[in-house]
Amino acid sequence: MIIVFTPAGGEPEHYDARSLKVSEASIVSRTIDQPWDQVKAGLPNEDLDAMRGIVWVIKKRSQPSLRFGEFDPGVEEMVTRYDKAEIENWVTNAVAIARSEGLDEAQTREGLAKVPDAAADPAHAEATIERILSDPKESERPSPSASETPETSST
């Protein structure tokens, strides 16, 4: 999951939640008083505390003296987007389900219409949809594990 932080008047900054180290995840959990599994579960729902905590702890890598109270973005300045591996998994599984239910390509495309908007890389999402829809065997392959990191993923 990618958190996109766009400070007022600034350029979008991307923060990969899966890049956190265990110690950083612990800091986020303690700081926002939520267990890590709740922090992760809150990301797709754009939980503001979870996003703020993760962006803050990643920013601390380059700004070690940054205090949590000093990092207080506006509620409209952060959104979450799916990374490439998550998009591959989503599209592969959705197409497999659509095919198993006998949906035609037009119906499947309609069901996938919002995927690019939810992606950190919309062009990759569109290409993934085209690739998987064009090859019936693609949706039969095991999809990448959601636990794969970008470094271990073949994407």
C-alpha atoms as a PDB file:
ATOM      1  CA  MET A   1       0.000   0.000   0.000  1.00  0.00           C
ATOM      2  CA  ILE A   2       1.320   3.387  -0.995  1.00  0.00           C
ATOM      3  CA  ILE A   3       0.437   6.530   0.930  1.00  0.00           C
ATOM      4  CA  VAL A   4       0.449   9.624  -1.256  1.00  0.00           C
ATOM      5  CA  PHE A   5       1.066  12.775   0.776  1.00  0.00           C
ATOM      6  CA  THR A   6       0.591  16.034  -1.107  1.00  0.00           C
ATOM      7  CA  PRO A   7       1.410  18.974   1.153  1.00  0.00           C
ATOM      8  CA  ALA A   8      -0.548  22.152   0.444  1.00  0.00           C
ATOM      9  CA  GLY A   9       1.124  23.795  -2.536  1.00  0.00           C
ATOM     10  CA  GLY A  10       3.627  20.945  -2.850  1.00  0.00           C
ATOM     11  CA  GLU A  11       4.339  17.957  -5.021  1.00  0.00           C
ATOM     12  CA  PRO A  12       2.978  14.475  -4.213  1.00  0.00           C
ATOM     13  CA  GLU A  13       5.287  12.314  -2.105  1.00  0.00           C
ATOM     14  CA  HIS A  14       4.897   8.509  -2.146  1.00  0.00           C
ATOM     15  CA  TYR A  15       5.471   6.386   0.957  1.00  0.00           C
ATOM     16  CA  ASP A  16       5.433   2.591   0.735  1.00  0.00           C
ATOM     17  CA  ALA A  17       3.969   1.130   3.924  1.00  0.00           C
ATOM     18  CA  ARG A  18       5.646  -2.213   3.158  1.00  0.00           C
ATOM     19  CA  SER A  19       9.060  -0.572   3.373  1.00  0.00           C
ATOM     20  CA  LEU A  20       8.766  -0.233   7.155  1.00  0.00           C
ATOM     21  CA  LYS A  21      11.099  -2.151   9.410  1.00  0.00           C
ATOM     22  CA  VAL A  22       9.665  -3.974  12.417  1.00  0.00           C
ATOM     23  CA  SER A  23      11.031  -1.322  14.758  1.00  0.00           C
ATOM     24  CA  GLU A  24       9.322   1.394  12.715  1.00  0.00           C
ATOM     25  CA  ALA A  25       6.015  -0.488  12.696  1.00  0.00           C
ATOM     26  CA  SER A  26       6.298  -0.758  16.482  1.00  0.00           C
ATOM     27  CA  ILE A  27       6.872   2.981  16.749  1.00  0.00           C
ATOM     28  CA  VAL A  28       3.795   3.664  14.616  1.00  0.00           C
ATOM     29  CA  SER A  29       1.697   1.259  16.709  1.00  0.00           C
ATOM     30  CA  ARG A  30       2.765   2.801  20.008  1.00  0.00           C
ATOM     31  CA  THR A  31       2.441   6.356  18.734  1.00  0.00           C
ATOM     32  CA  ILE A  32      -1.125   6.013  17.451  1.00  0.00           C
ATOM     33  CA  ASP A  33      -2.082   3.410  20.088  1.00  0.00           C
ATOM     34  CA  GLN A  34      -3.200   0.716  17.624  1.00  0.00           C
ATOM     35  CA  PRO A  35      -1.842  -2.796  17.104  1.00  0.00           C
ATOM     36  CA  TRP A  36       0.004  -3.165  13.795  1.00  0.00           C
ATOM     37  CA  ASP A  37      -2.676  -5.398  12.284  1.00  0.00           C
ATOM     38  CA  GLN A  38      -5.215  -2.603  12.857  1.00  0.00           C
ATOM     39  CA  VAL A  39      -2.843  -0.050  11.352  1.00  0.00           C
ATOM     40  CA  LYS A  40      -2.485  -2.205   8.210  1.00  0.00           C
ATOM     41  CA  ALA A  41      -6.210  -2.889   8.056  1.00  0.00           C
ATOM     42  CA  GLY A  42      -6.923   0.832   8.239  1.00  0.00           C
ATOM     43  CA  LEU A  43      -4.860   1.738   5.194  1.00  0.00           C
ATOM     44  CA  PRO A  44      -7.323   0.683   2.464  1.00  0.00           C
ATOM     45  CA  ASN A  45      -9.968   2.714   4.337  1.00  0.00           C
ATOM     46  CA  GLU A  46      -7.629   5.719   4.491  1.00  0.00           C
ATOM     47  CA  ASP A  47      -7.414   5.736   8.291  1.00  0.00           C
ATOM     48  CA  LEU A  48      -5.891   9.153   8.968  1.00  0.00           C
ATOM     49  CA  ASP A  49      -3.986   8.093  12.095  1.00  0.00           C
ATOM     50  CA  ALA A  50      -2.487   5.076  10.325  1.00  0.00           C
ATOM     51  CA  MET A  51      -1.440   7.120   7.287  1.00  0.00           C
ATOM     52  CA  ARG A  52      -0.035   9.946   9.428  1.00  0.00           C
ATOM     53  CA  GLY A  53       1.947   7.535  11.622  1.00  0.00           C
ATOM     54  CA  ILE A  54       3.474   5.686   8.683  1.00  0.00           C
ATOM     55  CA  VAL A  55       4.391   8.805   6.720  1.00  0.00           C
ATOM     56  CA  TRP A  56       5.832  10.386   9.861  1.00  0.00           C
ATOM     57  CA  VAL A  57       8.035   7.407  10.723  1.00  0.00           C
ATOM     58  CA  ILE A  58       9.321   7.162   7.133  1.00  0.00           C
ATOM     59  CA  LYS A  59      10.013  10.912   7.061  1.00  0.00           C
ATOM     60  CA  LYS A  60      12.029  10.469  10.280  1.00  0.00           C
ATOM     61  CA  ARG A  61      14.573   8.468   8.281  1.00  0.00           C
ATOM     62  CA  SER A  62      15.758  11.686   6.673  1.00  0.00           C
ATOM     63  CA  GLN A  63      14.591  14.058   9.429  1.00  0.00           C
ATOM     64  CA  PRO A  64      15.448  12.256  12.695  1.00  0.00           C
ATOM     65  CA  SER A  65      14.378  15.144  14.917  1.00  0.00           C
ATOM     66  CA  LEU A  66      10.859  15.327  13.408  1.00  0.00           C
ATOM     67  CA  ARG A  67       8.343  14.944  16.222  1.00  0.00           C
ATOM     68  CA  PHE A  68       4.905  13.408  15.678  1.00  0.00           C
ATOM     69  CA  GLY A  69       3.190  16.579  16.893  1.00  0.00           C
ATOM     70  CA  GLU A  70       5.102  18.586  14.294  1.00  0.00           C
ATOM     71  CA  PHE A  71       3.796  16.447  11.438  1.00  0.00           C
ATOM     72  CA  ASP A  72       0.091  17.215  11.166  1.00  0.00           C
ATOM     73  CA  PRO A  73      -1.053  17.122   7.524  1.00  0.00           C
ATOM     74  CA  GLY A  74      -4.473  18.261   6.405  1.00  0.00           C
ATOM     75  CA  VAL A  75      -7.131  15.569   6.109  1.00  0.00           C
ATOM     76  CA  GLU A  76      -7.241  16.011   2.325  1.00  0.00           C
ATOM     77  CA  GLU A  77      -3.444  15.830   1.920  1.00  0.00           C
ATOM     78  CA  MET A  78      -3.112  12.032   2.244  1.00  0.00           C
ATOM     79  CA  VAL A  79      -4.639   9.168   0.261  1.00  0.00           C
ATOM     80  CA  THR A  80      -3.752   5.514  -0.168  1.00  0.00           C
ATOM     81  CA  ARG A  81      -3.086   3.771  -3.463  1.00  0.00           C
ATOM     82  CA  TYR A  82      -2.320   0.155  -4.330  1.00  0.00           C
ATOM     83  CA  ASP A  83       1.219  -0.788  -5.387  1.00  0.00           C
ATOM     84  CA  LYS A  84       2.040  -2.846  -8.477  1.00  0.00           C
ATOM     85  CA  ALA A  85       1.969  -6.240  -6.745  1.00  0.00           C
ATOM     86  CA  GLU A  86      -1.388  -5.466  -5.138  1.00  0.00           C
ATOM     87  CA  ILE A  87      -2.810  -4.381  -8.506  1.00  0.00           C
ATOM     88  CA  GLU A  88      -1.544  -7.579 -10.169  1.00  0.00           C
ATOM     89  CA  ASN A  89      -3.187  -9.638  -7.439  1.00  0.00           C
ATOM     90  CA  TRP A  90      -6.458  -7.683  -7.573  1.00  0.00           C
ATOM     91  CA  VAL A  91      -6.820  -7.841 -11.368  1.00  0.00           C
ATOM     92  CA  THR A  92      -5.768 -11.496 -11.642  1.00  0.00           C
ATOM     93  CA  ASN A  93      -8.265 -12.571  -8.997  1.00  0.00           C
ATOM     94  CA  ALA A  94     -11.086 -10.350 -10.296  1.00  0.00           C
ATOM     95  CA  VAL A  95     -10.690 -11.660 -13.848  1.00  0.00           C
ATOM     96  CA  ALA A  96     -10.590 -15.255 -12.615  1.00  0.00           C
ATOM     97  CA  ILE A  97     -13.812 -14.719 -10.662  1.00  0.00           C
ATOM     98  CA  ALA A  98     -15.473 -12.937 -13.592  1.00  0.00           C
ATOM     99  CA  ARG A  99     -14.554 -15.774 -15.948  1.00  0.00           C
ATOM    100  CA  SER A 100     -15.736 -18.419 -13.495  1.00  0.00           C
ATOM    101  CA  GLU A 101     -19.085 -16.620 -13.261  1.00  0.00           C
ATOM    102  CA  GLY A 102     -19.400 -16.436 -17.051  1.00  0.00           C
ATOM    103  CA  LEU A 103     -19.092 -12.656 -17.361  1.00  0.00           C
ATOM    104  CA  ASP A 104     -18.126 -11.371 -20.788  1.00  0.00           C
ATOM    105  CA  GLU A 105     -15.202  -9.029 -21.411  1.00  0.00           C
ATOM    106  CA  ALA A 106     -17.354  -5.880 -21.371  1.00  0.00           C
ATOM    107  CA  GLN A 107     -18.822  -6.807 -17.993  1.00  0.00           C
ATOM    108  CA  THR A 108     -15.374  -7.635 -16.647  1.00  0.00           C
ATOM    109  CA  ARG A 109     -13.969  -4.311 -17.871  1.00  0.00           C
ATOM    110  CA  GLU A 110     -16.855  -2.510 -16.212  1.00  0.00           C
ATOM    111  CA  GLY A 111     -16.026  -4.260 -12.964  1.00  0.00           C
ATOM    112  CA  LEU A 112     -12.379  -3.224 -13.252  1.00  0.00           C
ATOM    113  CA  ALA A 113     -13.070   0.378 -14.293  1.00  0.00           C
ATOM    114  CA  LYS A 114     -12.020   1.914 -10.969  1.00  0.00           C
ATOM    115  CA  VAL A 115      -8.808  -0.077 -10.589  1.00  0.00           C
ATOM    116  CA  PRO A 116      -6.530   2.508 -12.304  1.00  0.00           C
ATOM    117  CA  ASP A 117      -7.873   5.277 -10.039  1.00  0.00           C
ATOM    118  CA  ALA A 118      -6.945   3.212  -6.970  1.00  0.00           C
ATOM    119  CA  ALA A 119      -3.418   2.474  -8.227  1.00  0.00           C
ATOM    120  CA  ALA A 120      -0.219   4.306  -7.400  1.00  0.00           C
ATOM    121  CA  ASP A 121       0.724   3.709 -11.049  1.00  0.00           C
ATOM    122  CA  PRO A 122      -2.471   3.985 -13.156  1.00  0.00           C
ATOM    123  CA  ALA A 123      -0.621   3.190 -16.410  1.00  0.00           C
ATOM    124  CA  HIS A 124       0.627  -0.079 -14.909  1.00  0.00           C
ATOM    125  CA  ALA A 125      -2.916  -0.909 -13.757  1.00  0.00           C
ATOM    126  CA  GLU A 126      -4.314  -0.303 -17.245  1.00  0.00           C
ATOM    127  CA  ALA A 127      -1.566  -2.419 -18.827  1.00  0.00           C
ATOM    128  CA  THR A 128      -2.202  -5.194 -16.291  1.00  0.00           C
ATOM    129  CA  ILE A 129      -5.906  -5.220 -17.090  1.00  0.00           C
ATOM    130  CA  GLU A 130      -5.176  -5.416 -20.828  1.00  0.00           C
ATOM    131  CA  ARG A 131      -2.573  -8.160 -20.385  1.00  0.00           C
ATOM    132  CA  ILE A 132      -4.716 -10.350 -18.180  1.00  0.00           C
ATOM    133  CA  LEU A 133      -7.878  -9.880 -20.237  1.00  0.00           C
ATOM    134  CA  SER A 134      -6.046 -10.689 -23.456  1.00  0.00           C
ATOM    135  CA  ASP A 135      -4.602 -13.982 -22.179  1.00  0.00           C
ATOM    136  CA  PRO A 136      -7.086 -16.504 -20.767  1.00  0.00           C
ATOM    137  CA  LYS A 137      -4.243 -18.348 -19.032  1.00  0.00           C
ATOM    138  CA  GLU A 138      -3.183 -15.231 -17.056  1.00  0.00           C
ATOM    139  CA  SER A 139      -6.096 -15.426 -14.639  1.00  0.00           C
ATOM    140  CA  GLU A 140      -5.406 -19.131 -14.068  1.00  0.00           C
ATOM    141  CA  ARG A 141      -1.907 -18.481 -12.742  1.00  0.00           C
ATOM    142  CA  PRO A 142      -1.391 -18.045  -9.036  1.00  0.00           C
ATOM    143  CA  SER A 143      -1.450 -14.331  -8.378  1.00  0.00           C
ATOM    144  CA  PRO A 144       1.471 -12.654  -6.617  1.00  0.00           C
ATOM    145  CA  SER A 145       1.209 -12.897  -2.880  1.00  0.00           C
ATOM    146  CA  ALA A 146       0.084  -9.718  -1.171  1.00  0.00           C
ATOM    147  CA  SER A 147       2.984 -10.271   1.200  1.00  0.00           C
ATOM    148  CA  GLU A 148       5.567 -10.025  -1.578  1.00  0.00           C
ATOM    149  CA  THR A 149       7.627  -6.910  -1.376  1.00  0.00           C
ATOM    150  CA  PRO A 150       8.479  -4.924  -4.481  1.00  0.00           C
ATOM    151  CA  GLU A 151      12.031  -6.242  -4.137  1.00  0.00           C
ATOM    152  CA  THR A 152      10.892  -9.888  -4.314  1.00  0.00           C
ATOM    153  CA  SER A 153       8.070  -9.414  -6.779  1.00  0.00           C
ATOM    154  CA  SER A 154       8.715 -10.130 -10.425  1.00  0.00           C
ATOM    155  CA  THR A 155       6.784  -6.990 -11.368  1.00  0.00           C
END
